[in-house]
Amino acid sequence: MKNIPYGRQYIDADDIKAVVKVLKSDFITQGPAVGAFEKKLASYCKVKYVVAVSSGTAALHLACLAADLPRHSEVITTPVTFLATANSILYAGLKPVFADIEPDTFNIDPEKISGRISSRTRAIIPVHFAGLPCDMPGIRNISRGKDIIIIEDACHALGAEYTVKGRKHRVGSCAHSDMAVFSFHPVKHITTGEGGAITTNNRKYYERLLRLRSHGVVKPYKKCKEIGPWYYEMRALGFNYRMTDIQAALGGSQMAKLTGFVKKRREIARLYKKFFYGMEEISLQEEPPWAKSAYHLFVLNIDFKVAGIGRKSVMNELADKGIGTQVHYIPIYKQPYYKKILPGNMLLDNTEDYYRKALSIPIFPSIKHSEVSRIAREVKRLAGR
């Protein structure tokens, strides 16, 4: 029986050809493929500037640094995300503050954000969880007049859209934010192996991001002309967060398939919804009428008490059937490191309820309808008994 992971990449002959072409070229890094990939991503997202980097974590880190916030400023985010979201806040010398999620969308709740804002709040990082866009206009309205910037963690949401007053916006367009961050890990919508990117419409942030991506170094035109072509200046403490041309070539080829990938993920999600419709034991992430999820994940909220079985047993029995599952995520404030640095014993009601019930089941473009049916039947057999 074929094992089905919860997520996996899709690589075809065109992707391999694009990578081989770079391997045979003069540049396997710091060459033209990175810029070409950035242009494709900028065109797709309908945004002015894109800076490709080595990972989604690197992208989050640089976005926090490019914001140039005072040290120890507070940054509000969700606890239901991968560790990198909050870790990047700490990397930049800032303080993460967690706001609870909405019980139906699993995204950060704008009202709870409002309640967490203090005189030290300087940024908000909403996470488009599982590929579902957050209420970006609502979050932007909260920040108005408060000197608060917004960085979208869109690592789950390449290809997602939301509509405001009849106008569609792609996640990454920064229509209601200052920067947005993507990841190109193999389980994401497109892959570069490892890789990430930051999008922005702000020239100042763009120039900072370019410097920070490559050791904080610039080559000022006038001084290079005056002193010599070798001249460069380090103007900030930057990092080696560059993307290679090998990665960018793969990403550029994958971009041609992105629309199809997202369409396929949404098709799989529709099938799952039909299978689980009406089950007392299972509820699903709600997609508001103004949002179009890219379905990076498909999360079941299983009431294991009603189902009469524990999550561990469900995961183990599904694994025995060759079906991979995962829990996305353990709330960050439950991690030992964060317990040491956060005040008191944090408990957020909706987050706690979500974590008790969450189980991610397989979703990726190459999964077959027959496999989706098999997964759904096995979950219903276990959770509905």
Protein backbone atom coordinates (compact mmCIF):
# COMPACT_ATOMS: atom_id res chain seq x y z
CA MET A 1 0.00 0.00 0.00
CA LYS A 2 1.37 3.39 -1.01
CA ASN A 3 2.19 5.74 1.87
CA ILE A 4 0.53 9.15 1.63
CA PRO A 5 2.42 11.99 3.41
CA TYR A 6 0.51 15.03 4.70
CA GLY A 7 2.33 17.15 2.10
CA ARG A 8 4.94 16.82 -0.63
CA GLN A 9 6.50 18.63 -3.58
CA TYR A 10 5.63 18.17 -7.25
CA ILE A 11 8.62 18.21 -9.60
CA ASP A 12 8.34 17.57 -13.34
CA ALA A 13 10.67 17.42 -16.33
CA ASP A 14 10.47 21.19 -16.93
CA ASP A 15 11.66 21.85 -13.38
CA ILE A 16 14.60 19.48 -13.81
CA LYS A 17 15.46 21.02 -17.16
CA ALA A 18 15.49 24.53 -15.63
CA VAL A 19 17.85 23.46 -12.85
CA VAL A 20 20.17 21.59 -15.23
CA LYS A 21 20.35 24.68 -17.45
CA VAL A 22 21.65 26.73 -14.51
CA LEU A 23 24.09 23.99 -13.49
CA LYS A 24 25.57 24.16 -17.00
CA SER A 25 25.74 27.97 -16.96
CA ASP A 26 28.38 30.35 -15.62
CA PHE A 27 26.36 31.22 -12.50
CA ILE A 28 24.98 28.80 -9.94
CA THR A 29 24.62 31.65 -7.43
CA GLN A 30 24.54 35.47 -7.55
CA GLY A 31 23.54 35.28 -11.19
CA PRO A 32 20.50 36.29 -13.29
CA ALA A 33 18.10 33.50 -12.28
CA VAL A 34 17.34 35.09 -8.89
CA GLY A 35 16.27 38.39 -10.43
CA ALA A 36 14.17 36.56 -13.02
CA PHE A 37 12.40 34.60 -10.28
CA GLU A 38 11.77 37.80 -8.28
CA LYS A 39 10.18 39.42 -11.34
CA LYS A 40 7.85 36.46 -11.85
CA LEU A 41 6.78 36.54 -8.22
CA ALA A 42 6.28 40.32 -8.29
CA SER A 43 4.12 40.03 -11.40
CA TYR A 44 2.02 37.25 -9.89
CA CYS A 45 1.47 39.05 -6.57
CA LYS A 46 0.99 42.44 -8.26
CA VAL A 47 3.57 44.07 -5.99
CA LYS A 48 6.43 46.46 -6.73
CA TYR A 49 9.37 44.75 -5.06
CA VAL A 50 10.45 41.21 -4.22
CA VAL A 51 13.59 40.08 -2.39
CA ALA A 52 14.29 36.34 -2.60
CA VAL A 53 16.19 34.76 0.29
CA SER A 54 17.41 31.40 1.57
CA SER A 55 14.33 30.39 3.60
CA GLY A 56 10.98 31.55 4.93
CA THR A 57 12.62 32.01 8.34
CA ALA A 58 15.28 34.25 6.78
CA ALA A 59 12.49 36.23 5.11
CA LEU A 60 10.69 36.74 8.44
CA HIS A 61 13.93 37.74 10.15
CA LEU A 62 14.86 40.29 7.49
CA ALA A 63 11.34 41.74 7.40
CA CYS A 64 11.52 42.34 11.17
CA LEU A 65 14.96 43.95 10.79
CA ALA A 66 13.97 46.05 7.77
CA ALA A 67 11.12 47.53 9.82
CA ASP A 68 13.89 49.17 11.90
CA LEU A 69 11.92 49.13 15.15
CA PRO A 70 13.31 50.22 18.53
CA ARG A 71 14.77 47.32 20.52
CA HIS A 72 12.30 45.56 22.83
CA SER A 73 9.30 46.90 20.88
CA GLU A 74 6.29 44.61 21.10
CA VAL A 75 5.10 42.66 18.06
CA ILE A 76 1.67 41.02 18.16
CA THR A 77 1.22 37.67 16.45
CA THR A 78 -0.66 34.38 16.72
CA PRO A 79 0.44 31.42 18.85
CA VAL A 80 -0.93 29.01 16.20
CA THR A 81 1.97 29.11 13.77
CA PHE A 82 5.38 27.56 13.24
CA LEU A 83 8.09 28.65 15.68
CA ALA A 84 9.85 30.74 13.04
CA THR A 85 7.20 33.48 13.20
CA ALA A 86 7.87 34.28 16.86
CA ASN A 87 11.56 33.35 16.77
CA SER A 88 12.19 35.96 14.08
CA ILE A 89 10.72 38.62 16.35
CA LEU A 90 13.26 37.62 19.00
CA TYR A 91 16.11 37.51 16.46
CA ALA A 92 15.44 41.20 15.77
CA GLY A 93 15.61 42.13 19.48
CA LEU A 94 11.85 42.56 19.72
CA LYS A 95 9.22 41.07 22.05
CA PRO A 96 6.48 38.71 20.81
CA VAL A 97 2.98 39.21 22.23
CA PHE A 98 0.36 36.55 21.47
CA ALA A 99 -3.28 37.27 20.66
CA ASP A 100 -5.96 34.58 20.50
CA ILE A 101 -7.41 33.14 17.30
CA GLU A 102 -10.93 33.12 15.86
CA PRO A 103 -12.64 29.79 16.62
CA ASP A 104 -13.97 29.35 13.09
CA THR A 105 -11.11 30.53 10.83
CA PHE A 106 -8.18 29.62 13.14
CA ASN A 107 -6.64 32.96 12.15
CA ILE A 108 -5.64 35.69 14.59
CA ASP A 109 -8.67 37.61 15.86
CA PRO A 110 -8.54 41.37 15.07
CA GLU A 111 -10.53 42.15 18.23
CA LYS A 112 -8.01 40.24 20.34
CA ILE A 113 -5.19 42.12 18.60
CA SER A 114 -6.83 45.39 19.60
CA GLY A 115 -6.92 44.24 23.22
CA ARG A 116 -3.19 43.43 23.21
CA ILE A 117 -1.96 46.75 21.85
CA SER A 118 0.14 48.80 24.28
CA SER A 119 2.29 51.92 24.08
CA ARG A 120 5.19 49.63 23.12
CA THR A 121 3.43 47.89 20.20
CA ARG A 122 5.22 48.64 16.94
CA ALA A 123 4.23 45.79 14.63
CA ILE A 124 1.62 43.10 13.95
CA ILE A 125 2.44 39.84 12.17
CA PRO A 126 -0.81 38.12 11.13
CA VAL A 127 -0.38 34.57 9.82
CA HIS A 128 -2.62 33.37 6.99
CA PHE A 129 -3.06 30.01 8.65
CA ALA A 130 -3.35 26.97 6.35
CA GLY A 131 -3.59 29.38 3.39
CA LEU A 132 -6.70 31.28 4.52
CA PRO A 133 -6.28 35.08 4.37
CA CYS A 134 -6.68 36.99 7.61
CA ASP A 135 -8.98 40.00 7.86
CA MET A 136 -6.31 42.35 6.52
CA PRO A 137 -8.49 45.49 6.21
CA GLY A 138 -9.62 44.98 9.82
CA ILE A 139 -6.06 44.54 11.02
CA ARG A 140 -4.88 47.56 9.04
CA ASN A 141 -7.64 49.68 10.55
CA ILE A 142 -6.48 48.70 14.05
CA SER A 143 -2.99 49.96 13.27
CA ARG A 144 -3.97 53.31 11.75
CA GLY A 145 -2.61 56.33 13.57
CA LYS A 146 -0.62 54.16 15.99
CA ASP A 147 2.78 53.95 14.27
CA ILE A 148 2.36 50.19 13.86
CA ILE A 149 3.57 48.34 10.78
CA ILE A 150 2.08 45.11 9.45
CA ILE A 151 4.13 42.19 8.18
CA GLU A 152 2.04 39.37 6.70
CA ASP A 153 3.35 35.88 7.39
CA ALA A 154 2.08 34.45 4.11
CA CYS A 155 4.24 31.32 4.20
CA HIS A 156 1.05 29.22 3.90
CA ALA A 157 -0.74 31.46 1.45
CA LEU A 158 0.91 31.91 -1.95
CA GLY A 159 -2.02 31.98 -4.38
CA ALA A 160 -4.62 32.99 -1.79
CA GLU A 161 -6.90 35.98 -2.40
CA TYR A 162 -9.30 38.23 -0.54
CA THR A 163 -11.87 40.77 -1.71
CA VAL A 164 -12.42 44.25 -0.29
CA LYS A 165 -15.26 46.42 -1.62
CA GLY A 166 -15.46 44.33 -4.79
CA ARG A 167 -11.73 44.44 -5.47
CA LYS A 168 -9.64 41.27 -5.35
CA HIS A 169 -6.20 41.31 -3.76
CA ARG A 170 -3.67 38.52 -3.95
CA VAL A 171 -1.86 37.76 -0.73
CA GLY A 172 1.59 39.27 -1.21
CA SER A 173 0.33 42.41 -2.95
CA CYS A 174 0.74 44.29 0.36
CA ALA A 175 -2.53 46.09 -0.33
CA HIS A 176 -3.16 46.29 3.43
CA SER A 177 0.31 45.69 4.84
CA ASP A 178 3.88 46.94 4.68
CA MET A 179 5.60 43.65 3.85
CA ALA A 180 4.61 40.04 3.22
CA VAL A 181 6.72 36.93 3.64
CA PHE A 182 6.66 33.62 1.74
CA SER A 183 8.27 30.20 2.15
CA PHE A 184 9.21 27.79 -0.64
CA HIS A 185 9.81 24.69 1.47
CA PRO A 186 8.86 21.45 -0.39
CA VAL A 187 5.41 21.17 1.23
CA LYS A 188 4.46 24.72 0.19
CA HIS A 189 2.64 25.81 -2.99
CA ILE A 190 5.83 26.07 -5.00
CA THR A 191 9.26 24.93 -3.92
CA THR A 192 12.85 26.03 -4.36
CA GLY A 193 14.05 23.24 -2.04
CA GLU A 194 14.59 25.72 0.74
CA GLY A 195 13.88 29.37 0.09
CA GLY A 196 11.72 32.36 0.84
CA ALA A 197 10.88 35.89 -0.25
CA ILE A 198 9.68 39.23 1.04
CA THR A 199 7.31 41.43 -0.97
CA THR A 200 6.74 45.14 -0.42
CA ASN A 201 5.62 48.32 -2.16
CA ASN A 202 7.91 50.44 0.03
CA ARG A 203 11.21 51.44 -1.61
CA LYS A 204 12.87 52.09 1.76
CA TYR A 205 12.11 48.59 3.03
CA TYR A 206 13.19 47.09 -0.30
CA GLU A 207 16.62 48.74 -0.18
CA ARG A 208 17.13 47.68 3.44
CA LEU A 209 16.17 44.12 2.59
CA LEU A 210 18.66 44.01 -0.28
CA ARG A 211 21.47 45.18 2.02
CA LEU A 212 20.56 42.86 4.87
CA ARG A 213 20.30 39.85 2.55
CA SER A 214 23.99 40.09 1.67
CA HIS A 215 26.07 41.06 4.72
CA GLY A 216 24.80 44.65 4.83
CA VAL A 217 27.04 45.47 1.86
CA VAL A 218 26.41 48.06 -0.87
CA LYS A 219 28.48 49.27 -3.81
CA PRO A 220 27.91 53.06 -4.02
CA TYR A 221 28.16 54.09 -7.65
CA LYS A 222 30.00 57.40 -7.16
CA LYS A 223 32.62 55.98 -4.82
CA CYS A 224 33.15 52.91 -6.99
CA LYS A 225 33.73 55.21 -9.95
CA GLU A 226 36.07 57.42 -7.92
CA ILE A 227 38.02 54.75 -5.99
CA GLY A 228 37.72 51.65 -8.16
CA PRO A 229 35.38 48.85 -9.19
CA TRP A 230 36.41 46.69 -6.21
CA TYR A 231 35.06 49.15 -3.66
CA TYR A 232 32.16 48.24 -1.35
CA GLU A 233 30.80 49.40 2.00
CA MET A 234 29.16 47.50 4.85
CA ARG A 235 26.43 49.82 6.10
CA ALA A 236 24.51 47.43 8.34
CA LEU A 237 25.09 44.16 10.16
CA GLY A 238 23.65 41.89 7.50
CA PHE A 239 23.54 38.17 6.82
CA ASN A 240 24.27 35.67 4.10
CA TYR A 241 20.63 34.97 3.31
CA ARG A 242 21.00 34.83 -0.46
CA MET A 243 19.04 32.42 -2.65
CA THR A 244 21.11 30.47 -5.18
CA ASP A 245 20.42 30.50 -8.91
CA ILE A 246 19.81 26.75 -8.68
CA GLN A 247 16.94 27.36 -6.26
CA ALA A 248 15.64 30.34 -8.22
CA ALA A 249 15.59 28.35 -11.47
CA LEU A 250 13.43 25.70 -9.80
CA GLY A 251 11.20 28.42 -8.35
CA GLY A 252 10.82 30.15 -11.70
CA SER A 253 9.75 26.90 -13.34
CA GLN A 254 7.35 26.13 -10.50
CA MET A 255 5.70 29.56 -10.87
CA ALA A 256 4.35 28.45 -14.27
CA LYS A 257 2.40 25.73 -12.46
CA LEU A 258 1.24 27.74 -9.42
CA THR A 259 -2.28 28.51 -10.67
CA GLY A 260 -2.83 24.83 -11.38
CA PHE A 261 -1.39 23.84 -8.01
CA VAL A 262 -3.78 26.12 -6.14
CA LYS A 263 -6.74 24.97 -8.24
CA LYS A 264 -5.90 21.36 -7.42
CA ARG A 265 -5.58 22.07 -3.68
CA ARG A 266 -8.98 23.77 -3.66
CA GLU A 267 -10.48 20.82 -5.54
CA ILE A 268 -9.11 18.41 -2.93
CA ALA A 269 -10.46 20.62 -0.14
CA ARG A 270 -13.94 20.54 -1.74
CA LEU A 271 -13.83 16.75 -1.82
CA TYR A 272 -12.85 16.55 1.85
CA LYS A 273 -15.63 18.97 2.79
CA LYS A 274 -18.21 16.74 1.06
CA PHE A 275 -16.91 13.66 2.86
CA PHE A 276 -16.98 15.27 6.32
CA TYR A 277 -20.15 17.34 5.90
CA GLY A 278 -22.63 16.87 8.72
CA MET A 279 -20.32 14.94 11.04
CA GLU A 280 -20.96 15.83 14.69
CA GLU A 281 -17.40 14.88 15.63
CA ILE A 282 -15.57 17.01 13.03
CA SER A 283 -15.61 20.71 12.23
CA LEU A 284 -13.56 22.45 9.54
CA GLN A 285 -11.85 25.78 9.03
CA GLU A 286 -14.46 28.20 7.69
CA GLU A 287 -13.68 30.11 4.51
CA PRO A 288 -15.46 33.49 4.60
CA PRO A 289 -17.16 34.59 1.36
CA TRP A 290 -14.57 37.34 0.87
CA ALA A 291 -11.59 34.95 1.10
CA LYS A 292 -10.09 32.34 -1.23
CA SER A 293 -7.82 29.94 0.62
CA ALA A 294 -4.77 28.42 -1.03
CA TYR A 295 -5.15 25.34 1.24
CA HIS A 296 -1.56 24.74 2.24
CA LEU A 297 -3.04 22.56 4.99
CA PHE A 298 -6.35 20.82 5.50
CA VAL A 299 -7.03 20.79 9.23
CA LEU A 300 -9.76 18.76 10.89
CA ASN A 301 -11.02 19.89 14.29
CA ILE A 302 -11.99 16.56 15.81
CA ASP A 303 -13.87 16.45 19.09
CA PHE A 304 -12.02 13.38 20.33
CA LYS A 305 -14.22 13.13 23.43
CA VAL A 306 -17.35 12.85 21.31
CA ALA A 307 -15.53 10.49 18.94
CA GLY A 308 -14.48 8.30 21.86
CA ILE A 309 -10.87 7.98 20.71
CA GLY A 310 -7.64 9.86 21.39
CA ARG A 311 -5.68 11.82 18.80
CA LYS A 312 -2.58 9.68 19.30
CA SER A 313 -4.59 6.53 18.54
CA VAL A 314 -6.09 8.13 15.42
CA MET A 315 -2.65 9.19 14.15
CA ASN A 316 -1.12 5.79 14.86
CA GLU A 317 -3.96 3.86 13.22
CA LEU A 318 -3.86 6.11 10.16
CA ALA A 319 -0.08 5.67 9.98
CA ASP A 320 -0.61 1.88 10.01
CA LYS A 321 -2.79 2.42 6.94
CA GLY A 322 -0.04 4.43 5.25
CA ILE A 323 -1.68 7.83 5.86
CA GLY A 324 0.53 10.61 7.20
CA THR A 325 -0.94 13.22 9.54
CA GLN A 326 0.43 16.06 11.63
CA VAL A 327 -0.62 18.63 14.24
CA HIS A 328 -0.21 22.25 13.13
CA TYR A 329 0.75 23.51 15.66
CA ILE A 330 1.57 23.19 19.32
CA PRO A 331 0.82 26.75 20.51
CA ILE A 332 4.12 28.60 20.74
CA TYR A 333 3.53 29.75 24.31
CA LYS A 334 3.56 26.08 25.39
CA GLN A 335 7.18 25.61 24.30
CA PRO A 336 9.71 25.39 27.18
CA TYR A 337 11.77 28.30 25.86
CA TYR A 338 8.77 30.61 25.57
CA LYS A 339 7.47 29.58 28.99
CA LYS A 340 10.70 30.97 30.42
CA ILE A 341 10.42 34.35 28.72
CA LEU A 342 6.66 34.97 28.77
CA PRO A 343 4.90 36.43 31.81
CA GLY A 344 2.71 34.05 33.85
CA ASN A 345 1.06 30.85 32.67
CA MET A 346 -0.48 31.87 29.35
CA LEU A 347 -3.71 30.23 28.24
CA LEU A 348 -5.78 31.54 25.33
CA ASP A 349 -9.20 29.91 25.20
CA ASN A 350 -9.72 29.55 21.46
CA THR A 351 -6.12 28.51 20.92
CA GLU A 352 -6.40 25.83 23.62
CA ASP A 353 -9.63 24.48 22.14
CA TYR A 354 -8.10 24.43 18.66
CA TYR A 355 -4.98 22.59 19.84
CA ARG A 356 -7.00 19.89 21.62
CA LYS A 357 -8.81 19.06 18.37
CA ALA A 358 -6.42 19.81 15.48
CA LEU A 359 -5.29 17.17 13.02
CA SER A 360 -3.90 17.88 9.55
CA ILE A 361 -4.60 15.31 6.84
CA PRO A 362 -2.86 14.99 3.44
CA ILE A 363 -3.28 17.68 0.81
CA PHE A 364 -0.95 18.28 -2.14
CA PRO A 365 -1.42 18.68 -5.92
CA SER A 366 -0.45 15.14 -6.96
CA ILE A 367 -2.75 13.34 -4.53
CA LYS A 368 -5.35 11.20 -6.32
CA HIS A 369 -9.10 11.36 -5.80
CA SER A 370 -9.03 7.69 -4.83
CA GLU A 371 -6.47 8.49 -2.14
CA VAL A 372 -8.58 11.37 -0.84
CA SER A 373 -11.53 8.99 -0.62
CA ARG A 374 -9.45 6.40 1.22
CA ILE A 375 -8.18 8.99 3.70
CA ALA A 376 -11.68 10.31 4.38
CA ARG A 377 -13.11 6.80 4.85
CA GLU A 378 -10.39 5.88 7.34
CA VAL A 379 -10.82 9.13 9.31
CA LYS A 380 -14.61 8.69 9.41
CA ARG A 381 -14.20 5.08 10.53
CA LEU A 382 -12.02 6.18 13.45
CA ALA A 383 -13.52 9.53 14.44
CA GLY A 384 -17.13 8.53 13.84
CA ARG A 385 -17.18 5.32 15.78
